[in-house]
Amino acid sequence: MHQRKGVLVRPVERLSTEQIKMIDQASMAIFADPGIICYSDIAAGYFSDNGAAVVKNSGDGGTGWIIKIPEDMVRKVVTTAPSVVYLGARKEENRLILDAHEPRVRFVSGSETNVWLESVVRGYVGEDDPEDKLRLVRFIRRRGTVADLTRAAHVAEHLEHLDSFIRTVNIQDEDIEESTKDVNKFFACLNNMTKHVMGGLTDVSQLDNVIRMAEIIAGGNEALRGNPLVSFIACVCKSPLQMVADSAEKMIEVAKRGFPVVISSSPQGGSTAPVDEAGMIAQINAEILSGVVLAQLVKEGAPVLYGSVPTRARMEDLHDMYGAPEFNHYNVDCAQMARFYGLPCYSTAGIADTCVPGMQATVEKLLSHIYVPMSGAHYVHYAFGLLERTNTFSLEQAVLDDAHIGISKRLLAEPRVGPDEITEALKQIREVMSTSHRLFARYVRKKLHSGEIYPGYPFANDERDEVLLGAHERVKQLLEKPVPHLPQDVIEKIYQKVPGIVTRLKQEAKSE
């Protein structure tokens, strides 16, 4: 099967084998005491029916259940989760095969941000020198719309290093209600790109409508099963150790239907989880495994991803802090734990704490763009365009992130050293040493033209820093590229079979 290549790495491991086993045992101890608080009667029923201890919670006014999952149940049930998960796409070459035993990294967008950064270019003249003129990119903050989501999907289709698409903006249009948000956001994505589309559900009652849409695009139920164009995210546990009814029941319905689902958890070190590495990883591991176990109790063999989204608290205001080294430590550890259980890992990297593109954003993002993928995590989300933690999205930042991820991928690439390379190297050295100039430049040109070596930073300017201006121009170029809309007959069929999609999305597709 064709698929997007990603980058195959030799995983960096922070944890020793002994430390992994200690964290594993600590998570099993958490299942025994204090257990998981579960607010879903449906989820509690699955655990009870399969031998877990389920008792009414005496705290919180008697709301929910305390679930204590036996270690042997966890170990037995987790082994039924597939170690290989397939994520389909409209184009075969954009499909992904996530194999827990192959550390092949893919970079993905993500987070349903509330703020969209609209960019404008303004001219400035120096106070002391009228000839000193600058064009600078400035940003306007506003609420995101479904039109913004279509623009983001259009740009993401043409970003070389973006391997899969998670909705980048919360659509807040007045004519889109909570009950119709899911069909609109999935249609906006699928109609503007040929890569895999993943998303959370706002309303579980819309799951079958989203699946029906994907079936029409794929060519029927059987075709969709072989090429799952869509997958889903469910943050089953709210930290610390609380299984939320709404999210758990969304995950249950997705698992019943056999579609890939991310079991994600996002504890915050220092507030909703211990800040120290051992405590954080033991807790998030227990939270994720509780969701994995539930998915397998619902449907044995349900395809799941081990979804690690750990953060660290900024202690002065308890906001998330993604630019901290500890954030990277947590995620690298989680990739190791996922590998230990034989589960594909959905990981986190590429978020900036600052509100706008710039030097701080670049430093914070590159720290995790390089280090987290070194762990061999399979599906690295949040990697494009995110600012102000996960509250803001910028197309210019997404373009910059694509360039920086390209640099990271070259850094992570396996060494090309073998018999053929050694033979060629000796030949070059001997040829050059027989000349008067003793330079290797003629051999470098071929490598540059073939793309084998790094050509240089794409937004470089020798005279002044115009990186943001270059990114702005690149966004304009990408938006001028053709949009890979669905065929009109497919669009018409979707509108006939799937209620709630705003008509202007169809009109936009016709007008382009």
Protein backbone atom coordinates (compact mmCIF):
# COMPACT_ATOMS: atom_id res chain seq x y z
CA MET A 1 0.00 0.00 0.00
CA HIS A 2 1.24 3.49 -0.87
CA GLN A 3 1.59 5.89 2.02
CA ARG A 4 3.19 9.17 3.04
CA LYS A 5 6.81 8.52 3.82
CA GLY A 6 7.27 10.48 7.05
CA VAL A 7 10.70 10.07 8.61
CA LEU A 8 12.04 6.84 10.08
CA VAL A 9 14.13 7.50 13.17
CA ARG A 10 16.32 5.67 15.65
CA PRO A 11 14.37 6.45 18.82
CA VAL A 12 15.95 8.44 21.60
CA GLU A 13 15.01 6.88 24.92
CA ARG A 14 14.99 8.83 28.17
CA LEU A 15 13.72 5.89 30.21
CA SER A 16 15.65 2.69 30.79
CA THR A 17 13.87 -0.67 30.54
CA GLU A 18 13.78 -0.83 34.33
CA GLN A 19 12.26 2.66 34.59
CA ILE A 20 9.55 1.76 32.04
CA LYS A 21 8.64 -1.27 34.14
CA MET A 22 8.49 0.87 37.28
CA ILE A 23 6.11 3.34 35.62
CA ASP A 24 4.01 0.47 34.30
CA GLN A 25 3.74 -0.99 37.82
CA ALA A 26 2.93 2.45 39.24
CA SER A 27 0.03 2.78 36.77
CA MET A 28 -1.25 -0.64 37.81
CA ALA A 29 -1.04 0.51 41.43
CA ILE A 30 -3.14 3.57 40.51
CA PHE A 31 -5.81 1.28 39.05
CA ALA A 32 -5.91 -0.52 42.41
CA ASP A 33 -5.80 2.59 44.58
CA PRO A 34 -7.28 5.18 44.16
CA GLY A 35 -8.78 3.79 40.92
CA ILE A 36 -10.58 5.78 38.22
CA ILE A 37 -13.61 7.96 38.95
CA CYS A 38 -16.13 7.25 36.18
CA TYR A 39 -19.10 9.53 35.50
CA SER A 40 -20.55 7.37 32.71
CA ASP A 41 -23.01 4.65 33.70
CA ILE A 42 -22.48 3.06 30.28
CA ALA A 43 -18.70 2.88 30.69
CA ALA A 44 -19.06 1.64 34.28
CA GLY A 45 -21.30 -1.13 32.98
CA TYR A 46 -18.63 -2.36 30.55
CA PHE A 47 -16.05 -2.48 33.34
CA SER A 48 -18.40 -4.20 35.77
CA ASP A 49 -19.51 -6.81 33.24
CA ASN A 50 -15.88 -7.75 32.59
CA GLY A 51 -14.68 -8.20 36.18
CA ALA A 52 -13.55 -4.77 37.36
CA ALA A 53 -14.57 -3.63 40.83
CA VAL A 54 -17.22 -0.93 40.43
CA VAL A 55 -18.64 0.86 43.47
CA LYS A 56 -20.72 3.98 43.85
CA ASN A 57 -18.57 7.05 44.47
CA SER A 58 -19.21 8.33 48.00
CA GLY A 59 -17.45 11.65 47.24
CA ASP A 60 -18.66 14.45 44.95
CA GLY A 61 -22.16 14.11 46.38
CA GLY A 62 -22.32 10.46 45.38
CA THR A 63 -21.87 11.17 41.67
CA GLY A 64 -20.35 8.48 39.46
CA TRP A 65 -18.45 5.32 40.21
CA ILE A 66 -15.04 4.25 41.45
CA ILE A 67 -13.52 1.77 38.96
CA LYS A 68 -10.67 -0.47 40.08
CA ILE A 69 -9.31 -2.40 37.12
CA PRO A 70 -7.43 -5.63 37.89
CA GLU A 71 -3.90 -5.78 36.49
CA ASP A 72 -4.54 -9.05 34.68
CA MET A 73 -7.53 -7.47 32.91
CA VAL A 74 -5.45 -4.52 31.76
CA ARG A 75 -2.67 -6.74 30.43
CA LYS A 76 -5.03 -9.14 28.67
CA VAL A 77 -7.29 -6.51 27.13
CA VAL A 78 -4.56 -4.12 25.96
CA THR A 79 -3.00 -6.91 23.86
CA THR A 80 -6.20 -7.08 21.77
CA ALA A 81 -5.66 -3.50 20.53
CA PRO A 82 -4.05 -3.53 17.05
CA SER A 83 -0.38 -2.59 16.87
CA VAL A 84 -0.97 -1.29 13.32
CA VAL A 85 -3.59 1.37 12.60
CA TYR A 86 -4.46 2.47 9.05
CA LEU A 87 -5.53 6.05 8.31
CA GLY A 88 -6.95 6.45 4.84
CA ALA A 89 -7.05 9.42 2.46
CA ARG A 90 -8.72 10.57 -0.75
CA LYS A 91 -5.40 10.02 -2.55
CA GLU A 92 -3.67 6.70 -1.97
CA GLU A 93 -0.25 8.30 -1.64
CA ASN A 94 -1.53 10.31 1.34
CA ARG A 95 -2.55 7.30 3.43
CA LEU A 96 -0.74 6.49 6.67
CA ILE A 97 0.23 3.19 8.23
CA LEU A 98 0.97 3.67 11.92
CA ASP A 99 2.94 0.66 13.12
CA ALA A 100 3.80 0.55 16.82
CA HIS A 101 6.94 -1.42 16.00
CA GLU A 102 8.21 0.98 13.31
CA PRO A 103 9.31 4.41 14.62
CA ARG A 104 8.15 6.31 11.53
CA VAL A 105 7.16 9.88 12.44
CA ARG A 106 4.41 11.93 10.78
CA PHE A 107 3.70 15.61 11.45
CA VAL A 108 0.12 16.78 11.84
CA SER A 109 -1.88 19.95 12.52
CA GLY A 110 -4.32 20.25 15.38
CA SER A 111 -6.31 22.03 18.07
CA GLU A 112 -9.66 23.66 17.54
CA THR A 113 -8.43 27.19 18.31
CA ASN A 114 -10.84 29.98 19.12
CA VAL A 115 -8.67 32.77 17.68
CA TRP A 116 -7.70 33.21 14.04
CA LEU A 117 -4.77 35.54 13.26
CA GLU A 118 -5.59 37.47 10.09
CA SER A 119 -2.51 39.07 8.57
CA VAL A 120 -2.08 42.43 6.88
CA VAL A 121 1.05 44.00 5.38
CA ARG A 122 1.76 47.61 6.31
CA GLY A 123 4.47 50.03 5.21
CA TYR A 124 6.63 52.01 7.62
CA VAL A 125 9.10 54.88 7.08
CA GLY A 126 12.06 55.61 9.37
CA GLU A 127 11.66 58.79 11.47
CA ASP A 128 15.21 59.96 10.80
CA ASP A 129 15.51 58.60 7.25
CA PRO A 130 12.52 58.78 4.86
CA GLU A 131 14.37 56.45 2.48
CA ASP A 132 14.42 53.70 5.12
CA LYS A 133 11.18 51.91 4.25
CA LEU A 134 9.90 48.65 5.67
CA ARG A 135 6.99 46.35 4.88
CA LEU A 136 5.94 44.42 7.97
CA VAL A 137 3.28 41.82 8.65
CA ARG A 138 0.83 42.75 11.37
CA PHE A 139 -1.89 40.55 12.82
CA ILE A 140 -5.56 41.04 13.68
CA ARG A 141 -7.17 38.66 16.19
CA ARG A 142 -10.70 37.48 15.48
CA ARG A 143 -13.02 34.52 15.93
CA GLY A 144 -12.59 31.65 13.50
CA THR A 145 -15.16 30.71 10.85
CA VAL A 146 -15.82 27.77 8.58
CA ALA A 147 -14.35 29.84 5.71
CA ASP A 148 -11.12 30.06 7.70
CA LEU A 149 -11.14 26.29 8.16
CA THR A 150 -11.46 25.78 4.40
CA ARG A 151 -8.50 28.15 3.84
CA ALA A 152 -6.45 26.27 6.42
CA ALA A 153 -7.27 22.93 4.78
CA HIS A 154 -6.41 24.36 1.34
CA VAL A 155 -3.00 25.57 2.55
CA ALA A 156 -2.37 22.34 4.48
CA GLU A 157 -3.00 20.31 1.34
CA HIS A 158 0.05 21.97 -0.22
CA LEU A 159 2.36 21.97 2.81
CA GLU A 160 5.05 19.44 1.98
CA HIS A 161 5.66 18.16 5.48
CA LEU A 162 2.08 18.09 6.81
CA ASP A 163 1.05 14.44 6.72
CA SER A 164 -2.50 14.55 8.11
CA PHE A 165 -5.04 17.20 9.05
CA ILE A 166 -6.78 17.90 12.36
CA ARG A 167 -9.18 20.86 12.31
CA THR A 168 -7.25 24.02 13.15
CA VAL A 169 -10.00 26.42 14.15
CA ASN A 170 -13.27 26.35 16.06
CA ILE A 171 -15.94 27.37 13.57
CA GLN A 172 -18.07 30.04 15.26
CA ASP A 173 -20.42 31.10 12.45
CA GLU A 174 -23.88 32.26 13.52
CA ASP A 175 -25.61 29.93 11.05
CA ILE A 176 -23.79 26.81 12.32
CA GLU A 177 -25.25 25.34 15.51
CA GLU A 178 -23.62 22.94 17.94
CA SER A 179 -25.69 20.12 16.44
CA THR A 180 -24.41 20.82 12.89
CA LYS A 181 -20.82 21.76 13.71
CA ASP A 182 -19.43 18.26 13.08
CA VAL A 183 -20.81 17.79 9.57
CA ASN A 184 -19.68 21.28 8.57
CA LYS A 185 -16.14 20.97 9.87
CA PHE A 186 -15.60 17.50 8.39
CA PHE A 187 -17.05 18.57 5.02
CA ALA A 188 -14.94 21.75 4.99
CA CYS A 189 -11.83 19.63 5.51
CA LEU A 190 -12.65 16.73 3.18
CA ASN A 191 -13.73 19.05 0.37
CA ASN A 192 -10.48 21.02 0.44
CA MET A 193 -7.77 18.38 0.86
CA THR A 194 -6.79 14.84 -0.08
CA LYS A 195 -4.93 13.99 3.14
CA HIS A 196 -6.37 12.11 6.11
CA VAL A 197 -8.85 14.08 8.25
CA MET A 198 -9.10 13.57 12.02
CA GLY A 199 -11.31 15.42 14.48
CA GLY A 200 -13.21 15.40 17.72
CA LEU A 201 -16.98 15.18 17.89
CA THR A 202 -19.06 18.04 19.25
CA ASP A 203 -22.28 16.01 19.20
CA VAL A 204 -22.17 12.20 19.25
CA SER A 205 -25.52 12.08 17.45
CA GLN A 206 -23.71 13.39 14.35
CA LEU A 207 -21.21 10.51 14.21
CA ASP A 208 -23.26 8.50 11.72
CA ASN A 209 -23.76 11.55 9.51
CA VAL A 210 -19.99 12.11 9.40
CA ILE A 211 -19.48 8.42 8.57
CA ARG A 212 -22.19 8.60 5.88
CA MET A 213 -20.37 11.57 4.33
CA ALA A 214 -17.09 9.62 4.32
CA GLU A 215 -18.84 6.58 2.78
CA ILE A 216 -20.13 8.69 -0.11
CA ILE A 217 -16.64 10.08 -0.74
CA ALA A 218 -14.90 6.69 -0.41
CA GLY A 219 -17.42 4.88 -2.61
CA GLY A 220 -19.47 2.94 -0.08
CA ASN A 221 -19.24 1.27 3.30
CA GLU A 222 -16.86 -1.49 2.28
CA ALA A 223 -14.55 0.95 0.49
CA LEU A 224 -14.49 3.20 3.56
CA ARG A 225 -13.61 0.27 5.83
CA GLY A 226 -10.61 -0.44 3.65
CA ASN A 227 -9.73 3.25 3.38
CA PRO A 228 -10.93 5.09 6.52
CA LEU A 229 -10.83 8.71 5.36
CA VAL A 230 -11.73 9.98 8.83
CA SER A 231 -10.76 9.19 12.39
CA PHE A 232 -11.71 10.62 15.75
CA ILE A 233 -10.28 11.98 19.01
CA ALA A 234 -11.73 11.44 22.48
CA CYS A 235 -10.21 12.83 25.68
CA VAL A 236 -11.73 10.01 27.73
CA CYS A 237 -10.14 11.03 31.04
CA LYS A 238 -10.22 14.48 32.56
CA SER A 239 -7.19 14.73 34.80
CA PRO A 240 -6.72 13.68 37.44
CA LEU A 241 -8.14 10.18 36.84
CA GLN A 242 -11.75 11.08 35.99
CA MET A 243 -13.55 9.35 33.13
CA VAL A 244 -15.92 11.95 31.66
CA ALA A 245 -19.34 10.72 30.54
CA ASP A 246 -19.57 12.82 27.36
CA SER A 247 -16.10 11.93 26.01
CA ALA A 248 -16.20 8.30 27.12
CA GLU A 249 -19.54 7.74 25.42
CA LYS A 250 -18.34 9.39 22.21
CA MET A 251 -15.36 7.03 22.22
CA ILE A 252 -17.66 4.06 22.88
CA GLU A 253 -19.76 4.87 19.82
CA VAL A 254 -16.70 5.30 17.59
CA ALA A 255 -15.24 2.01 18.86
CA LYS A 256 -18.53 0.21 18.17
CA ARG A 257 -18.31 1.32 14.55
CA GLY A 258 -14.68 0.23 14.25
CA PHE A 259 -13.15 3.58 13.24
CA PRO A 260 -9.71 4.67 14.47
CA VAL A 261 -9.90 6.74 17.63
CA VAL A 262 -7.27 8.57 19.67
CA ILE A 263 -7.52 7.93 23.41
CA SER A 264 -6.03 11.22 24.54
CA SER A 265 -5.24 12.62 27.94
CA SER A 266 -3.85 16.06 28.82
CA PRO A 267 -2.82 16.32 32.48
CA GLN A 268 -1.04 19.50 33.51
CA GLY A 269 2.09 18.93 35.55
CA GLY A 270 1.87 20.98 38.74
CA SER A 271 -1.93 21.29 38.85
CA THR A 272 -3.87 18.26 37.59
CA ALA A 273 -0.88 15.90 37.72
CA PRO A 274 2.45 15.70 39.56
CA VAL A 275 5.05 17.98 38.01
CA ASP A 276 7.81 15.42 38.44
CA GLU A 277 8.42 13.06 35.55
CA ALA A 278 7.72 9.80 37.36
CA GLY A 279 4.37 10.91 38.75
CA MET A 280 3.21 12.58 35.55
CA ILE A 281 3.95 9.58 33.35
CA ALA A 282 2.48 7.07 35.79
CA GLN A 283 -0.76 9.09 35.91
CA ILE A 284 -1.14 9.87 32.20
CA ASN A 285 -0.31 6.27 31.38
CA ALA A 286 -3.10 5.07 33.67
CA GLU A 287 -5.55 7.58 32.17
CA ILE A 288 -4.77 6.54 28.59
CA LEU A 289 -4.76 2.82 29.36
CA SER A 290 -8.17 3.10 31.06
CA GLY A 291 -9.56 4.40 27.75
CA VAL A 292 -7.73 1.75 25.72
CA VAL A 293 -9.17 -0.98 27.97
CA LEU A 294 -12.68 0.48 27.65
CA ALA A 295 -12.42 0.61 23.85
CA GLN A 296 -11.39 -3.05 23.72
CA LEU A 297 -14.20 -4.08 26.10
CA VAL A 298 -16.63 -2.35 23.75
CA LYS A 299 -15.19 -3.98 20.61
CA GLU A 300 -12.18 -6.26 20.69
CA GLY A 301 -9.65 -5.12 18.12
CA ALA A 302 -10.96 -1.53 17.98
CA PRO A 303 -8.15 0.56 16.41
CA VAL A 304 -6.84 3.06 18.97
CA LEU A 305 -3.92 5.46 19.29
CA TYR A 306 -2.13 6.11 22.58
CA GLY A 307 -2.82 9.84 22.83
CA SER A 308 -0.28 11.71 24.94
CA VAL A 309 -0.91 15.44 25.38
CA PRO A 310 0.85 16.19 28.69
CA THR A 311 1.57 19.80 29.56
CA ARG A 312 3.24 21.72 32.39
CA ALA A 313 1.63 24.45 34.46
CA ARG A 314 2.97 27.97 34.40
CA MET A 315 2.91 28.46 38.13
CA GLU A 316 2.05 32.19 38.22
CA ASP A 317 -1.28 31.73 36.40
CA LEU A 318 -1.73 27.94 35.87
CA HIS A 319 -1.86 28.32 32.08
CA ASP A 320 -0.31 25.53 30.03
CA MET A 321 3.41 25.93 29.37
CA TYR A 322 4.51 24.20 26.16
CA GLY A 323 7.89 25.89 25.80
CA ALA A 324 9.29 24.18 28.91
CA PRO A 325 11.86 21.38 28.65
CA GLU A 326 9.66 19.24 30.93
CA PHE A 327 6.95 19.23 28.26
CA ASN A 328 9.40 17.51 25.93
CA HIS A 329 10.49 15.04 28.60
CA TYR A 330 6.88 14.02 29.25
CA ASN A 331 6.19 13.38 25.57
CA VAL A 332 9.35 11.40 24.91
CA ASP A 333 8.55 9.21 27.92
CA CYS A 334 4.99 8.65 26.69
CA ALA A 335 6.26 7.51 23.28
CA GLN A 336 8.33 4.89 25.09
CA MET A 337 5.32 3.74 27.12
CA ALA A 338 3.20 3.42 23.98
CA ARG A 339 5.92 1.30 22.38
CA PHE A 340 6.07 -0.84 25.54
CA TYR A 341 2.37 -1.73 25.10
CA GLY A 342 2.62 -2.12 21.33
CA LEU A 343 0.33 0.84 20.57
CA PRO A 344 0.82 3.53 17.91
CA CYS A 345 1.56 6.86 19.61
CA TYR A 346 -0.26 10.15 19.01
CA SER A 347 2.11 12.72 20.48
CA THR A 348 2.45 16.47 20.85
CA ALA A 349 4.98 19.05 19.61
CA GLY A 350 5.29 22.44 17.95
CA ILE A 351 3.31 24.77 20.22
CA ALA A 352 4.43 28.27 21.20
CA ASP A 353 3.37 30.05 24.36
CA THR A 354 3.63 33.48 22.73
CA CYS A 355 0.68 35.07 20.90
CA VAL A 356 2.30 35.98 17.56
CA PRO A 357 4.90 34.55 15.17
CA GLY A 358 8.44 35.63 15.96
CA MET A 359 11.68 34.65 17.63
CA GLN A 360 10.10 33.28 20.84
CA ALA A 361 7.66 31.17 18.84
CA THR A 362 10.46 29.77 16.69
CA VAL A 363 12.62 28.82 19.68
CA GLU A 364 9.79 27.19 21.62
CA LYS A 365 8.50 25.30 18.60
CA LEU A 366 11.87 24.07 17.35
CA LEU A 367 12.69 22.67 20.78
CA SER A 368 9.84 20.18 20.51
CA HIS A 369 9.82 19.91 16.69
CA ILE A 370 13.26 18.32 17.01
CA TYR A 371 13.23 16.51 20.33
CA VAL A 372 9.78 14.87 20.47
CA PRO A 373 10.06 13.25 16.99
CA MET A 374 13.40 11.81 18.08
CA SER A 375 11.34 9.54 20.35
CA GLY A 376 9.79 7.77 17.35
CA ALA A 377 6.25 8.94 18.12
CA HIS A 378 4.10 8.02 15.12
CA TYR A 379 1.63 10.89 14.85
CA VAL A 380 2.91 14.25 16.13
CA HIS A 381 -0.03 16.65 16.30
CA TYR A 382 -0.19 20.40 17.16
CA ALA A 383 2.86 20.75 14.89
CA PHE A 384 1.56 23.50 12.56
CA GLY A 385 0.46 27.07 13.16
CA LEU A 386 -0.34 27.06 16.89
CA LEU A 387 0.38 30.07 19.10
CA GLU A 388 -0.70 31.30 22.55
CA ARG A 389 -0.55 27.68 23.70
CA THR A 390 -3.40 26.13 21.67
CA ASN A 391 -5.68 29.17 21.57
CA THR A 392 -4.56 30.82 18.31
CA PHE A 393 -3.88 29.69 14.73
CA SER A 394 -1.88 31.52 12.05
CA LEU A 395 -1.41 30.50 8.42
CA GLU A 396 1.93 32.32 8.33
CA GLN A 397 3.08 30.35 11.35
CA ALA A 398 1.92 27.11 9.72
CA VAL A 399 4.07 27.90 6.67
CA LEU A 400 7.07 28.66 8.90
CA ASP A 401 6.49 25.45 10.85
CA ASP A 402 6.44 23.48 7.60
CA ALA A 403 9.88 24.86 6.73
CA HIS A 404 11.22 24.17 10.21
CA ILE A 405 9.82 20.64 10.26
CA GLY A 406 11.58 20.06 6.95
CA ILE A 407 14.85 21.02 8.65
CA SER A 408 14.02 18.73 11.59
CA LYS A 409 13.33 15.81 9.26
CA ARG A 410 16.74 16.25 7.64
CA LEU A 411 18.31 16.35 11.09
CA LEU A 412 16.51 13.11 12.04
CA ALA A 413 17.25 11.25 8.80
CA GLU A 414 19.19 8.02 9.04
CA PRO A 415 22.87 8.19 8.02
CA ARG A 416 23.66 7.11 4.48
CA VAL A 417 26.75 5.05 5.11
CA GLY A 418 27.23 1.77 3.29
CA PRO A 419 29.56 0.03 0.83
CA ASP A 420 28.34 2.06 -2.14
CA GLU A 421 28.68 5.38 -0.28
CA ILE A 422 32.19 4.50 0.93
CA THR A 423 33.25 3.53 -2.61
CA GLU A 424 31.89 6.79 -4.01
CA ALA A 425 33.57 8.83 -1.25
CA LEU A 426 36.98 7.29 -1.91
CA LYS A 427 36.55 7.88 -5.63
CA GLN A 428 35.72 11.58 -5.05
CA ILE A 429 38.62 12.12 -2.64
CA ARG A 430 41.12 10.55 -5.04
CA GLU A 431 39.78 12.51 -8.01
CA VAL A 432 39.88 15.82 -6.14
CA MET A 433 43.35 15.22 -4.75
CA SER A 434 44.64 14.71 -8.30
CA THR A 435 43.58 18.25 -9.28
CA SER A 436 45.29 21.58 -8.61
CA HIS A 437 42.25 23.25 -6.92
CA ARG A 438 41.42 20.36 -4.52
CA LEU A 439 37.77 21.40 -4.13
CA PHE A 440 34.63 19.22 -3.99
CA ALA A 441 32.18 21.86 -5.28
CA ARG A 442 31.29 20.03 -8.51
CA TYR A 443 30.06 17.02 -6.53
CA VAL A 444 27.92 19.16 -4.25
CA ARG A 445 25.89 20.68 -7.11
CA LYS A 446 24.46 17.30 -8.06
CA LYS A 447 23.36 16.66 -4.47
CA LEU A 448 21.75 20.09 -4.26
CA HIS A 449 19.81 19.61 -7.49
CA SER A 450 18.58 16.18 -6.38
CA GLY A 451 17.45 17.51 -3.00
CA GLU A 452 19.73 15.18 -1.06
CA ILE A 453 21.31 18.00 0.94
CA TYR A 454 19.78 21.05 2.61
CA PRO A 455 19.59 24.01 0.19
CA GLY A 456 19.30 26.75 2.82
CA TYR A 457 16.59 28.55 4.80
CA PRO A 458 13.73 29.35 2.39
CA PHE A 459 12.95 32.75 3.94
CA ALA A 460 16.54 34.01 4.18
CA ASN A 461 17.34 37.66 3.41
CA ASP A 462 20.88 38.97 3.69
CA GLU A 463 19.92 42.62 4.26
CA ARG A 464 17.13 42.50 6.85
CA ASP A 465 14.90 40.04 8.70
CA GLU A 466 11.80 39.61 6.52
CA VAL A 467 10.90 36.05 7.49
CA LEU A 468 7.27 36.91 8.31
CA LEU A 469 6.88 38.83 5.06
CA GLY A 470 8.24 35.81 3.19
CA ALA A 471 5.82 33.51 5.00
CA HIS A 472 2.94 35.87 4.17
CA GLU A 473 3.84 35.79 0.48
CA ARG A 474 4.11 32.00 0.62
CA VAL A 475 0.59 31.74 2.09
CA LYS A 476 -0.73 33.84 -0.80
CA GLN A 477 1.02 31.54 -3.29
CA LEU A 478 -0.44 28.41 -1.68
CA LEU A 479 -3.96 29.87 -1.64
CA GLU A 480 -3.64 30.48 -5.39
CA LYS A 481 -2.97 26.78 -6.02
CA PRO A 482 -5.88 24.60 -7.20
CA VAL A 483 -8.29 23.38 -4.53
CA PRO A 484 -8.84 19.59 -4.68
CA HIS A 485 -12.61 19.84 -4.28
CA LEU A 486 -14.73 16.72 -4.34
CA PRO A 487 -16.50 16.00 -7.65
CA GLN A 488 -19.77 17.92 -7.98
CA ASP A 489 -21.87 14.75 -8.11
CA VAL A 490 -20.31 13.59 -4.83
CA ILE A 491 -20.99 17.00 -3.25
CA GLU A 492 -24.62 16.87 -4.41
CA LYS A 493 -25.04 13.37 -2.96
CA ILE A 494 -23.55 14.47 0.37
CA TYR A 495 -25.97 17.38 0.58
CA GLN A 496 -28.88 15.03 -0.17
CA LYS A 497 -27.84 12.41 2.42
CA VAL A 498 -26.22 14.47 5.19
CA PRO A 499 -28.33 17.21 6.79
CA GLY A 500 -27.01 20.40 8.33
CA ILE A 501 -24.15 21.45 6.00
CA VAL A 502 -24.42 25.15 5.16
CA THR A 503 -25.16 25.75 1.48
CA ARG A 504 -22.44 28.38 1.07
CA LEU A 505 -19.77 25.67 1.31
CA LYS A 506 -21.27 24.09 -1.81
CA GLN A 507 -21.45 27.46 -3.53
CA GLU A 508 -17.79 28.20 -2.74
CA ALA A 509 -16.79 24.89 -4.32
CA LYS A 510 -18.74 25.76 -7.48
CA SER A 511 -17.32 29.28 -7.78
CA GLU A 512 -13.65 28.26 -7.72
